[in-house]
């Protein structure tokens, strides 16, 4: 921090340093350029929380962006209006650079204030201090002037990203006509017209390679800010962003791998439950056979109509039950993206109990205490996969328990729905606890090995979490939480439930 202060002391850019390890991110340094800009004494600044100092002067919108970046300990740009002592309000671009210790912990911020009016002159003053600041910035930065968005400045990162070096003096539409199809020109027009900044993360953009003429698909984190003159009128736009294509493709690859592993686990689970499903199918099929045998007419006897009707009803119910079992297997083995659709949780638990009971000790008692009105908004089949895994693990843990019991309950609050699965087994061993949610091999001869990790992956797809609530000689309890759609990181962007 001291080295930064020495560098900033002689800088022409207004700069302050804050200490994040002190409550409120207190100001520990302010150079002369900042004092001149703000019209304040150094004694009135040092030791004050930066949020309090800036909050007293900044406009509400700009301050909210500044506060969010500071609170999260991240670097970034924002624009705000600040009052200058005796000279009215003026716009500034604020650049926050997080200062981190060798362990990566944020210990402070280097905060620089730049007059955006001066930024528009950078193309004519290539040796200015402002140009030196942004030329080597890791993110791409560009400045456009006028309603037609004519390039006044673009740093090396920007030129490298768009694969063009002849931007200055051209409009955005002339230099990169392909981005009009992605809607970026409309965004630029809107920011210029309204003065409202535009921020987007993981935003797709198509860039044409001038050498080959081929379009390449990229993804960017981008911020467009209006640039104003001394009177407050908008004269141009300031663009700052980062190429996050590698991050986007990595996230997509991870998501695809997760879906593949979930699908593989589901298919493997069907193999381990094949005997149980055959046993369950045997019951309705045997019933159908018995009904048919019971109504077979004997030579010379008149068929009993009531008996025929009763047998037909029994055959219908048994056939529907068999069809339901087969359909349930088909749904479990489908490979599709997670979706959100309301379903009755108690009924879903009952279906899981019926399935698990066919392959566990007959002495095990299942107690479904989920409220009849409990409704979850998620993919029913995937949530049932979580429930089946937890119930099966509970049954496996009670192979030698005298009074085996599995209890399933739910808790509803303003944030979402929590499901509890408890057993009366001997508890989880310290060795198992250390890796229970990791992708490890199972210790059971006939287990899948990744059951709990799959549970975690499914729950996290909906912005939820799963954890071990309690474990001891009296039993074990697992819980998982699914937030309401509007509170989930997925929001309403989850894929709609498939039709049919």
Protein backbone atom coordinates (compact mmCIF):
# COMPACT_ATOMS: atom_id res chain seq x y z
CA UNK A 1 0.00 0.00 0.00
CA UNK A 2 2.89 2.36 0.79
CA UNK A 3 4.40 1.77 -2.65
CA UNK A 4 1.08 2.67 -4.28
CA UNK A 5 0.89 5.85 -2.22
CA UNK A 6 4.39 6.87 -3.35
CA UNK A 7 3.39 6.38 -6.99
CA UNK A 8 0.03 8.16 -6.65
CA UNK A 9 1.54 11.09 -4.73
CA UNK A 10 3.03 12.57 -7.91
CA UNK A 11 0.25 11.48 -10.29
CA UNK A 12 -1.74 14.09 -12.17
CA UNK A 13 -4.80 11.87 -11.85
CA UNK A 14 -6.97 12.44 -8.73
CA UNK A 15 -6.32 9.31 -6.64
CA UNK A 16 -7.22 7.99 -3.20
CA UNK A 17 -6.34 4.71 -1.44
CA UNK A 18 -8.60 2.86 0.98
CA UNK A 19 -7.91 0.11 3.52
CA UNK A 20 -10.48 -2.72 3.28
CA UNK A 21 -9.24 -4.23 6.54
CA UNK A 22 -10.57 -1.21 8.43
CA UNK A 23 -14.32 -0.98 8.96
CA UNK A 24 -15.96 1.15 6.27
CA UNK A 25 -12.99 1.04 3.85
CA UNK A 26 -11.34 4.11 5.39
CA UNK A 27 -9.35 6.52 3.23
CA UNK A 28 -5.64 6.22 4.05
CA UNK A 29 -4.24 8.41 1.26
CA UNK A 30 -5.39 11.24 -1.04
CA UNK A 31 -3.09 13.00 -3.48
CA UNK A 32 -3.06 16.71 -4.28
CA UNK A 33 -4.90 16.20 -7.56
CA UNK A 34 -7.88 14.69 -5.70
CA UNK A 35 -7.90 17.51 -3.13
CA UNK A 36 -7.94 20.06 -5.94
CA UNK A 37 -10.74 18.23 -7.74
CA UNK A 38 -12.93 17.79 -4.67
CA UNK A 39 -12.12 21.14 -3.04
CA UNK A 40 -11.51 19.45 0.33
CA UNK A 41 -8.73 19.50 2.91
CA UNK A 42 -6.65 16.39 3.46
CA UNK A 43 -7.58 16.40 7.16
CA UNK A 44 -11.26 16.23 6.21
CA UNK A 45 -10.68 13.10 4.12
CA UNK A 46 -8.16 10.84 5.84
CA UNK A 47 -9.66 8.29 8.19
CA UNK A 48 -13.19 8.66 6.81
CA UNK A 49 -15.06 5.68 5.30
CA UNK A 50 -14.99 6.04 1.52
CA UNK A 51 -18.68 5.14 1.27
CA UNK A 52 -19.51 8.05 3.57
CA UNK A 53 -17.17 10.44 1.76
CA UNK A 54 -18.39 9.67 -1.76
CA UNK A 55 -21.99 9.11 -0.67
CA UNK A 56 -22.26 12.68 0.56
CA UNK A 57 -21.35 14.00 -2.88
CA UNK A 58 -22.33 11.48 -5.56
CA UNK A 59 -25.60 11.00 -7.42
CA UNK A 60 -27.62 7.99 -6.23
CA UNK A 61 -27.30 5.86 -9.37
CA UNK A 62 -23.56 6.26 -9.83
CA UNK A 63 -23.00 5.75 -6.13
CA UNK A 64 -24.93 2.45 -6.16
CA UNK A 65 -22.59 1.04 -8.84
CA UNK A 66 -19.55 2.29 -6.93
CA UNK A 67 -20.75 0.80 -3.65
CA UNK A 68 -21.52 -2.59 -5.24
CA UNK A 69 -18.01 -2.86 -6.74
CA UNK A 70 -16.38 -1.79 -3.48
CA UNK A 71 -18.43 -4.18 -1.36
CA UNK A 72 -17.61 -7.16 -3.62
CA UNK A 73 -13.90 -6.29 -3.60
CA UNK A 74 -13.68 -6.17 -7.37
CA UNK A 75 -12.10 -3.85 -9.94
CA UNK A 76 -14.19 -1.90 -12.42
CA UNK A 77 -15.44 1.36 -13.87
CA UNK A 78 -18.44 3.50 -13.06
CA UNK A 79 -19.53 7.05 -13.83
CA UNK A 80 -21.07 9.45 -11.34
CA UNK A 81 -21.84 13.11 -10.76
CA UNK A 82 -19.79 14.84 -8.03
CA UNK A 83 -20.16 18.39 -6.73
CA UNK A 84 -17.06 20.57 -7.00
CA UNK A 85 -16.62 23.13 -4.25
CA UNK A 86 -18.11 26.39 -5.53
CA UNK A 87 -18.27 25.19 -9.16
CA UNK A 88 -21.40 23.05 -9.38
CA UNK A 89 -21.72 19.38 -10.36
CA UNK A 90 -19.32 17.65 -12.75
CA UNK A 91 -19.16 14.10 -14.16
CA UNK A 92 -16.25 11.76 -13.44
CA UNK A 93 -15.31 8.25 -14.51
CA UNK A 94 -14.22 6.32 -11.42
CA UNK A 95 -11.78 3.43 -11.82
CA UNK A 96 -11.53 1.02 -8.89
CA UNK A 97 -8.52 -1.28 -8.78
CA UNK A 98 -8.60 -3.88 -6.02
CA UNK A 99 -5.36 -4.25 -4.05
CA UNK A 100 -4.75 -7.85 -2.98
CA UNK A 101 -2.28 -9.58 -0.70
CA UNK A 102 -0.24 -12.62 -1.88
CA UNK A 103 -3.11 -14.90 -0.81
CA UNK A 104 -5.58 -13.11 -3.09
CA UNK A 105 -7.47 -11.36 -0.27
CA UNK A 106 -8.67 -7.82 -1.04
CA UNK A 107 -6.92 -5.45 1.38
CA UNK A 108 -7.79 -2.12 -0.22
CA UNK A 109 -8.66 -0.17 -3.35
CA UNK A 110 -6.75 2.24 -5.56
CA UNK A 111 -9.45 4.66 -6.74
CA UNK A 112 -8.77 7.03 -9.63
CA UNK A 113 -11.09 9.79 -10.84
CA UNK A 114 -10.95 10.85 -14.49
CA UNK A 115 -12.70 13.76 -16.19
CA UNK A 116 -14.50 12.10 -19.16
CA UNK A 117 -14.39 15.38 -21.10
CA UNK A 118 -10.64 15.09 -21.16
CA UNK A 119 -10.94 11.51 -22.38
CA UNK A 120 -12.47 12.72 -25.64
CA UNK A 121 -9.28 14.58 -26.42
CA UNK A 122 -7.08 11.53 -26.11
CA UNK A 123 -6.91 10.85 -29.84
CA UNK A 124 -5.38 14.32 -30.32
CA UNK A 125 -3.12 14.08 -27.27
CA UNK A 126 -1.49 10.66 -27.58
CA UNK A 127 1.19 11.56 -25.06
CA UNK A 128 -1.27 12.65 -22.38
CA UNK A 129 -1.36 10.95 -18.98
CA UNK A 130 -4.82 9.60 -19.71
CA UNK A 131 -3.66 7.76 -22.81
CA UNK A 132 -0.79 6.21 -20.87
CA UNK A 133 -3.26 4.97 -18.24
CA UNK A 134 -5.59 3.16 -20.65
CA UNK A 135 -3.28 2.08 -23.48
CA UNK A 136 -1.99 -0.88 -21.48
CA UNK A 137 -5.17 -1.72 -19.57
CA UNK A 138 -5.96 -5.48 -19.67
CA UNK A 139 -9.60 -4.83 -20.55
CA UNK A 140 -10.71 -3.30 -23.83
CA UNK A 141 -11.53 0.43 -23.74
CA UNK A 142 -12.89 2.68 -26.47
CA UNK A 143 -14.40 6.16 -26.70
CA UNK A 144 -16.83 7.30 -29.39
CA UNK A 145 -18.02 10.84 -30.06
CA UNK A 146 -21.30 12.13 -31.40
CA UNK A 147 -24.64 10.58 -32.28
CA UNK A 148 -23.06 8.44 -34.99
CA UNK A 149 -20.57 7.00 -32.46
CA UNK A 150 -17.33 7.91 -34.23
CA UNK A 151 -14.20 6.34 -32.70
CA UNK A 152 -11.99 8.86 -30.88
CA UNK A 153 -9.91 6.33 -28.98
CA UNK A 154 -9.39 2.58 -28.74
CA UNK A 155 -6.73 0.89 -26.65
CA UNK A 156 -4.57 -2.03 -27.73
CA UNK A 157 -6.86 -4.59 -26.11
CA UNK A 158 -9.90 -3.25 -27.99
CA UNK A 159 -8.09 -3.32 -31.34
CA UNK A 160 -6.83 -6.84 -30.68
CA UNK A 161 -10.33 -8.04 -29.75
CA UNK A 162 -12.02 -6.68 -32.92
CA UNK A 163 -8.96 -7.52 -35.11
CA UNK A 164 -8.90 -4.01 -36.55
CA UNK A 165 -6.33 -1.24 -36.25
CA UNK A 166 -8.00 1.41 -38.44
CA UNK A 167 -10.82 2.45 -36.09
CA UNK A 168 -10.08 6.09 -35.30
CA UNK A 169 -12.28 8.48 -37.28
CA UNK A 170 -14.72 5.77 -38.35
CA UNK A 171 -18.20 5.27 -36.95
CA UNK A 172 -18.95 2.01 -35.15
CA UNK A 173 -21.33 1.04 -37.99
CA UNK A 174 -18.59 1.64 -40.58
CA UNK A 175 -15.85 -0.17 -38.68
CA UNK A 176 -17.92 -3.15 -37.48
CA UNK A 177 -21.21 -3.45 -39.41
CA UNK A 178 -21.66 -7.03 -38.19
CA UNK A 179 -22.48 -5.96 -34.63
CA UNK A 180 -25.64 -4.23 -35.84
CA UNK A 181 -27.21 -7.66 -36.28
CA UNK A 182 -26.48 -8.38 -32.60
CA UNK A 183 -28.34 -5.23 -31.54
CA UNK A 184 -25.33 -3.29 -30.25
CA UNK A 185 -25.96 -0.16 -32.33
CA UNK A 186 -29.43 0.11 -30.79
CA UNK A 187 -27.85 -0.17 -27.34
CA UNK A 188 -25.35 2.60 -28.16
CA UNK A 189 -28.15 4.81 -29.46
CA UNK A 190 -30.19 4.20 -26.30
CA UNK A 191 -27.32 5.04 -23.93
CA UNK A 192 -26.52 8.19 -25.91
CA UNK A 193 -30.17 9.26 -25.99
CA UNK A 194 -31.14 8.47 -22.39
CA UNK A 195 -27.85 8.84 -20.52
CA UNK A 196 -28.53 5.55 -18.70
CA UNK A 197 -25.44 3.29 -18.61
CA UNK A 198 -25.72 -0.23 -20.02
CA UNK A 199 -24.01 -3.20 -18.34
CA UNK A 200 -24.12 -6.83 -19.49
CA UNK A 201 -22.33 -10.02 -18.51
CA UNK A 202 -21.65 -13.02 -20.74
CA UNK A 203 -23.11 -11.09 -23.68
CA UNK A 204 -22.81 -12.78 -27.13
CA UNK A 205 -21.28 -10.75 -29.96
CA UNK A 206 -20.23 -11.66 -33.50
CA UNK A 207 -16.89 -10.25 -34.75
CA UNK A 208 -15.83 -10.53 -38.39
CA UNK A 209 -12.16 -11.27 -39.06
CA UNK A 210 -11.07 -8.81 -41.82
CA UNK A 211 -8.38 -11.21 -42.98
CA UNK A 212 -10.69 -14.17 -43.64
CA UNK A 213 -14.16 -12.61 -43.67
CA UNK A 214 -15.36 -15.26 -41.21
CA UNK A 215 -17.57 -14.39 -38.25
CA UNK A 216 -16.42 -15.65 -34.88
CA UNK A 217 -18.77 -15.93 -31.91
CA UNK A 218 -17.48 -14.28 -28.74
CA UNK A 219 -18.85 -13.41 -25.32
CA UNK A 220 -18.05 -10.23 -23.41
CA UNK A 221 -18.65 -8.45 -20.13
CA UNK A 222 -19.26 -4.86 -21.19
CA UNK A 223 -20.16 -1.44 -19.81
CA UNK A 224 -21.29 1.56 -21.88
CA UNK A 225 -21.26 4.93 -20.12
CA UNK A 226 -22.32 8.34 -21.45
CA UNK A 227 -19.59 11.00 -21.60
CA UNK A 228 -20.70 14.56 -20.79
CA UNK A 229 -19.24 18.00 -21.30
CA UNK A 230 -18.91 20.65 -18.60
CA UNK A 231 -22.55 21.65 -19.05
CA UNK A 232 -23.70 18.06 -18.53
CA UNK A 233 -24.70 17.45 -22.14
CA UNK A 234 -23.91 14.00 -23.55
CA UNK A 235 -21.17 14.22 -26.19
CA UNK A 236 -20.04 10.64 -26.53
CA UNK A 237 -19.81 7.15 -25.09
CA UNK A 238 -17.18 5.36 -23.02
CA UNK A 239 -16.88 1.57 -23.49
CA UNK A 240 -15.04 -0.77 -21.13
CA UNK A 241 -15.15 -4.53 -21.09
CA UNK A 242 -13.45 -7.90 -21.14
CA UNK A 243 -13.39 -10.82 -23.56
CA UNK A 244 -14.85 -13.72 -21.53
CA UNK A 245 -15.17 -16.20 -24.40
CA UNK A 246 -12.81 -18.68 -22.75
CA UNK A 247 -14.76 -18.45 -19.48
CA UNK A 248 -18.09 -18.90 -21.28
CA UNK A 249 -16.89 -21.94 -23.23
CA UNK A 250 -15.38 -23.46 -20.08
CA UNK A 251 -18.68 -22.98 -18.21
CA UNK A 252 -20.58 -24.55 -21.09
CA UNK A 253 -18.19 -27.51 -21.13
CA UNK A 254 -18.58 -27.95 -17.37
CA UNK A 255 -22.37 -27.76 -17.67
CA UNK A 256 -22.34 -30.31 -20.49
CA UNK A 257 -20.14 -32.61 -18.42
CA UNK A 258 -22.46 -32.24 -15.42
CA UNK A 259 -25.47 -33.10 -17.58
CA UNK A 260 -23.63 -36.10 -19.01
CA UNK A 261 -22.67 -37.33 -15.55
CA UNK A 262 -26.20 -36.84 -14.26
CA UNK A 263 -27.58 -38.76 -17.22
CA UNK A 264 -25.01 -41.54 -16.79
CA UNK A 265 -25.78 -41.76 -13.10
CA UNK A 266 -29.48 -41.96 -13.82
CA UNK A 267 -29.02 -44.79 -16.32
CA UNK A 268 -26.68 -46.64 -13.94
CA UNK A 269 -29.22 -46.23 -11.17
CA UNK A 270 -31.82 -47.87 -13.37
CA UNK A 271 -29.53 -50.88 -13.70
CA UNK A 272 -29.24 -51.27 -9.95
CA UNK A 273 -33.00 -50.95 -9.57
CA UNK A 274 -33.95 -53.24 -12.44
CA UNK A 275 -34.78 -56.15 -10.13
CA UNK A 276 -36.86 -53.88 -7.90
CA UNK A 277 -38.80 -52.53 -10.87
CA UNK A 278 -39.36 -56.06 -12.18
CA UNK A 279 -40.72 -57.00 -8.76
CA UNK A 280 -43.08 -54.01 -8.78
CA UNK A 281 -44.25 -54.73 -12.32
CA UNK A 282 -44.84 -58.33 -11.37
CA UNK A 283 -47.59 -57.35 -8.93
CA UNK A 284 -49.96 -55.62 -11.41
CA UNK A 285 -49.22 -58.18 -14.13
CA UNK A 286 -49.96 -61.06 -11.76
CA UNK A 287 -53.17 -59.32 -10.72
CA UNK A 288 -54.26 -59.04 -14.36
CA UNK A 289 -53.57 -62.76 -14.86
CA UNK A 290 -55.60 -63.66 -11.78
CA UNK A 291 -58.52 -61.46 -12.84
CA UNK A 292 -58.59 -63.14 -16.26
CA UNK A 293 -58.42 -66.61 -14.71
CA UNK A 294 -61.27 -65.75 -12.34
CA UNK A 295 -63.69 -64.74 -15.10
CA UNK A 296 -62.94 -67.62 -17.49
CA UNK A 297 -66.35 -69.15 -18.26
CA UNK A 298 -66.97 -72.76 -17.28
CA UNK A 299 -68.77 -74.96 -19.82
CA UNK A 300 -72.51 -74.62 -19.49
CA UNK A 301 -72.43 -71.67 -17.05
CA UNK A 302 -73.74 -68.20 -17.74
CA UNK A 303 -71.09 -65.47 -17.18
CA UNK A 304 -71.62 -63.40 -14.03
CA UNK A 305 -71.99 -59.83 -15.36
CA UNK A 306 -71.14 -58.15 -12.05
CA UNK A 307 -68.10 -60.34 -11.67
CA UNK A 308 -67.02 -59.48 -15.21
CA UNK A 309 -67.40 -55.75 -14.55
CA UNK A 310 -65.42 -55.99 -11.30
CA UNK A 311 -62.67 -57.96 -12.98
CA UNK A 312 -62.49 -55.46 -15.85
CA UNK A 313 -62.13 -52.58 -13.36
CA UNK A 314 -59.37 -54.48 -11.58
CA UNK A 315 -57.58 -55.19 -14.85
CA UNK A 316 -57.84 -51.50 -15.81
CA UNK A 317 -56.36 -50.32 -12.50
CA UNK A 318 -53.54 -52.88 -12.66
CA UNK A 319 -52.72 -51.96 -16.26
CA UNK A 320 -52.64 -48.26 -15.36
CA UNK A 321 -50.31 -49.01 -12.47
CA UNK A 322 -47.98 -50.99 -14.74
CA UNK A 323 -48.03 -48.18 -17.32
CA UNK A 324 -47.27 -45.66 -14.57
CA UNK A 325 -44.22 -47.68 -13.46
CA UNK A 326 -42.92 -47.91 -17.03
CA UNK A 327 -43.54 -44.20 -17.66
CA UNK A 328 -41.71 -43.34 -14.47
CA UNK A 329 -38.69 -45.34 -15.67
CA UNK A 330 -38.85 -43.57 -19.05
CA UNK A 331 -38.90 -40.15 -17.38
CA UNK A 332 -35.97 -41.03 -15.14
CA UNK A 333 -33.82 -42.07 -18.10
CA UNK A 334 -34.63 -39.05 -20.29
CA UNK A 335 -31.63 -36.83 -21.06
CA UNK A 336 -32.84 -33.23 -21.06
CA UNK A 337 -32.05 -29.89 -19.48
CA UNK A 338 -33.49 -29.06 -16.06
CA UNK A 339 -36.80 -27.25 -16.10
CA UNK A 340 -39.17 -25.69 -13.63
CA UNK A 341 -42.74 -26.84 -13.24
CA UNK A 342 -44.88 -26.85 -10.06
CA UNK A 343 -45.61 -30.29 -8.61
CA UNK A 344 -47.01 -31.68 -5.38
CA UNK A 345 -44.03 -32.64 -3.24
CA UNK A 346 -45.91 -35.06 -0.99
CA UNK A 347 -47.16 -37.07 -3.97
CA UNK A 348 -43.63 -37.13 -5.45
CA UNK A 349 -42.26 -38.42 -2.12
CA UNK A 350 -44.93 -41.15 -2.02
CA UNK A 351 -43.84 -42.34 -5.48
CA UNK A 352 -40.21 -42.47 -4.34
CA UNK A 353 -41.15 -44.38 -1.19
CA UNK A 354 -43.02 -47.01 -3.23
CA UNK A 355 -39.99 -47.46 -5.46
CA UNK A 356 -37.39 -47.63 -2.68
CA UNK A 357 -39.51 -50.00 -0.57
CA UNK A 358 -39.29 -52.71 -3.23
CA UNK A 359 -35.52 -53.04 -2.75
CA UNK A 360 -35.02 -52.41 0.98
CA UNK A 361 -35.60 -54.36 4.21
CA UNK A 362 -39.34 -54.98 4.66
CA UNK A 363 -39.02 -53.93 8.33
CA UNK A 364 -38.12 -50.33 7.41
CA UNK A 365 -40.92 -47.87 8.20
CA UNK A 366 -41.31 -44.84 5.92
CA UNK A 367 -42.98 -41.78 7.48
CA UNK A 368 -43.94 -39.11 4.93
CA UNK A 369 -44.68 -35.96 6.93
CA UNK A 370 -44.56 -33.56 3.99
CA UNK A 371 -47.59 -31.28 4.03
CA UNK A 372 -50.31 -32.22 1.54
CA UNK A 373 -50.21 -28.70 0.09
CA UNK A 374 -46.39 -28.51 -0.24
CA UNK A 375 -45.52 -27.50 -3.81
CA UNK A 376 -42.05 -27.39 -5.33
CA UNK A 377 -41.18 -25.58 -8.56
CA UNK A 378 -38.49 -27.65 -10.28
CA UNK A 379 -37.96 -30.69 -12.49
CA UNK A 380 -40.03 -33.38 -10.73
CA UNK A 381 -37.91 -36.27 -12.02
CA UNK A 382 -34.62 -34.70 -10.96
CA UNK A 383 -35.89 -33.89 -7.47
CA UNK A 384 -37.15 -37.46 -7.20
CA UNK A 385 -33.66 -38.64 -8.13
CA UNK A 386 -32.30 -36.67 -5.16
CA UNK A 387 -34.98 -38.13 -2.88
CA UNK A 388 -34.38 -41.71 -4.07
CA UNK A 389 -30.62 -41.36 -3.50
CA UNK A 390 -31.13 -40.01 0.02
CA UNK A 391 -33.73 -42.64 0.92
CA UNK A 392 -31.67 -45.48 -0.52
CA UNK A 393 -28.61 -44.29 1.43
CA UNK A 394 -30.75 -44.17 4.58
CA UNK A 395 -31.95 -47.75 4.00
CA UNK A 396 -28.42 -48.98 3.32
CA UNK A 397 -27.25 -47.37 6.59
CA UNK A 398 -29.87 -49.29 8.61
CA UNK A 399 -29.08 -52.85 7.56
CA UNK A 400 -28.43 -53.80 11.18
CA UNK A 401 -30.63 -51.27 12.96
CA UNK A 402 -33.22 -52.78 15.32
CA UNK A 403 -35.99 -50.24 14.61
CA UNK A 404 -35.26 -48.86 11.14
CA UNK A 405 -37.23 -45.79 10.14
CA UNK A 406 -36.96 -43.16 7.38
CA UNK A 407 -38.70 -39.84 7.99
CA UNK A 408 -39.30 -37.32 5.21
CA UNK A 409 -40.43 -33.79 6.07
CA UNK A 410 -40.42 -30.29 4.58
CA UNK A 411 -39.98 -26.72 5.77
CA UNK A 412 -41.46 -23.78 3.84
CA UNK A 413 -40.37 -20.16 4.32
CA UNK A 414 -40.14 -16.90 2.36
CA UNK A 415 -36.93 -18.01 0.66
CA UNK A 416 -37.87 -21.46 -0.58
CA UNK A 417 -38.56 -25.07 0.39
CA UNK A 418 -36.30 -27.31 2.48
CA UNK A 419 -36.67 -31.10 2.34
CA UNK A 420 -35.46 -33.25 5.27
CA UNK A 421 -34.62 -36.97 5.03
CA UNK A 422 -33.72 -38.60 8.37
CA UNK A 423 -32.99 -42.17 9.44
CA UNK A 424 -32.36 -44.07 12.68
CA UNK A 425 -29.07 -45.58 11.57
CA UNK A 426 -25.65 -45.40 13.29
CA UNK A 427 -24.60 -42.09 11.75
CA UNK A 428 -21.96 -41.07 9.23
CA UNK A 429 -18.33 -42.00 9.90
CA UNK A 430 -15.70 -39.20 9.96
CA UNK A 431 -14.04 -40.75 6.89
CA UNK A 432 -17.28 -40.71 4.89
CA UNK A 433 -18.14 -37.20 6.08
CA UNK A 434 -14.89 -35.79 4.68
CA UNK A 435 -15.70 -36.77 1.07
CA UNK A 436 -19.44 -37.43 1.04
CA UNK A 437 -20.24 -34.76 -1.58
CA UNK A 438 -17.10 -35.33 -3.67
CA UNK A 439 -16.84 -37.41 -6.85
CA UNK A 440 -15.31 -40.49 -5.23
CA UNK A 441 -15.67 -44.23 -5.51
CA UNK A 442 -18.22 -45.91 -3.27
CA UNK A 443 -17.33 -48.30 -0.49
CA UNK A 444 -20.42 -50.39 -1.27
CA UNK A 445 -20.01 -53.32 -3.65
CA UNK A 446 -23.19 -52.50 -5.57
CA UNK A 447 -23.29 -48.71 -5.14
CA UNK A 448 -22.97 -46.01 -7.76
CA UNK A 449 -20.24 -44.08 -5.95
CA UNK A 450 -21.43 -40.61 -6.98
CA UNK A 451 -24.93 -40.52 -5.49
CA UNK A 452 -24.50 -37.59 -3.10
CA UNK A 453 -22.36 -35.63 -5.53
CA UNK A 454 -25.09 -36.02 -8.14
CA UNK A 455 -27.62 -34.84 -5.54
CA UNK A 456 -25.50 -31.75 -4.94
CA UNK A 457 -25.16 -31.07 -8.68
CA UNK A 458 -28.92 -31.32 -9.25
CA UNK A 459 -29.77 -29.10 -6.28
CA UNK A 460 -27.20 -26.48 -7.31
CA UNK A 461 -28.70 -26.37 -10.82
CA UNK A 462 -31.64 -24.62 -9.15
CA UNK A 463 -29.51 -22.30 -7.03
CA UNK A 464 -30.04 -24.50 -3.97
CA UNK A 465 -27.81 -26.35 -1.52
CA UNK A 466 -27.59 -29.74 0.24
CA UNK A 467 -25.96 -30.51 3.55
CA UNK A 468 -25.65 -32.93 6.46
CA UNK A 469 -27.87 -31.45 9.16
CA UNK A 470 -27.20 -34.00 11.92
CA UNK A 471 -25.34 -37.28 12.43
CA UNK A 472 -24.81 -39.42 15.53
CA UNK A 473 -25.68 -42.73 17.18
CA UNK A 474 -29.35 -41.77 17.08
CA UNK A 475 -29.39 -41.32 13.33
CA UNK A 476 -28.58 -39.11 10.36
CA UNK A 477 -30.46 -36.28 8.69
CA UNK A 478 -29.75 -34.76 5.29
CA UNK A 479 -31.44 -31.61 4.04
CA UNK A 480 -31.61 -29.86 0.70
CA UNK A 481 -33.01 -26.43 -0.13
CA UNK A 482 -34.58 -25.20 -3.38
CA UNK A 483 -35.25 -21.43 -3.53
CA UNK A 484 -38.39 -20.02 -5.07
CA UNK A 485 -37.82 -19.28 -8.79
CA UNK A 486 -37.80 -15.49 -8.35
CA UNK A 487 -35.09 -15.78 -5.66
CA UNK A 488 -32.91 -18.34 -7.45
CA UNK A 489 -29.80 -17.28 -9.43
CA UNK A 490 -31.56 -18.96 -12.34
CA UNK A 491 -34.53 -16.64 -11.84
CA UNK A 492 -37.15 -17.24 -14.46
CA UNK A 493 -34.47 -18.17 -17.02
CA UNK A 494 -34.71 -21.89 -16.36
CA UNK A 495 -35.79 -23.85 -19.39
CA UNK A 496 -39.54 -24.28 -19.57
CA UNK A 497 -40.94 -27.68 -18.80
CA UNK A 498 -41.22 -29.88 -21.87
CA UNK A 499 -44.66 -30.43 -23.27
CA UNK A 500 -46.18 -33.83 -23.81
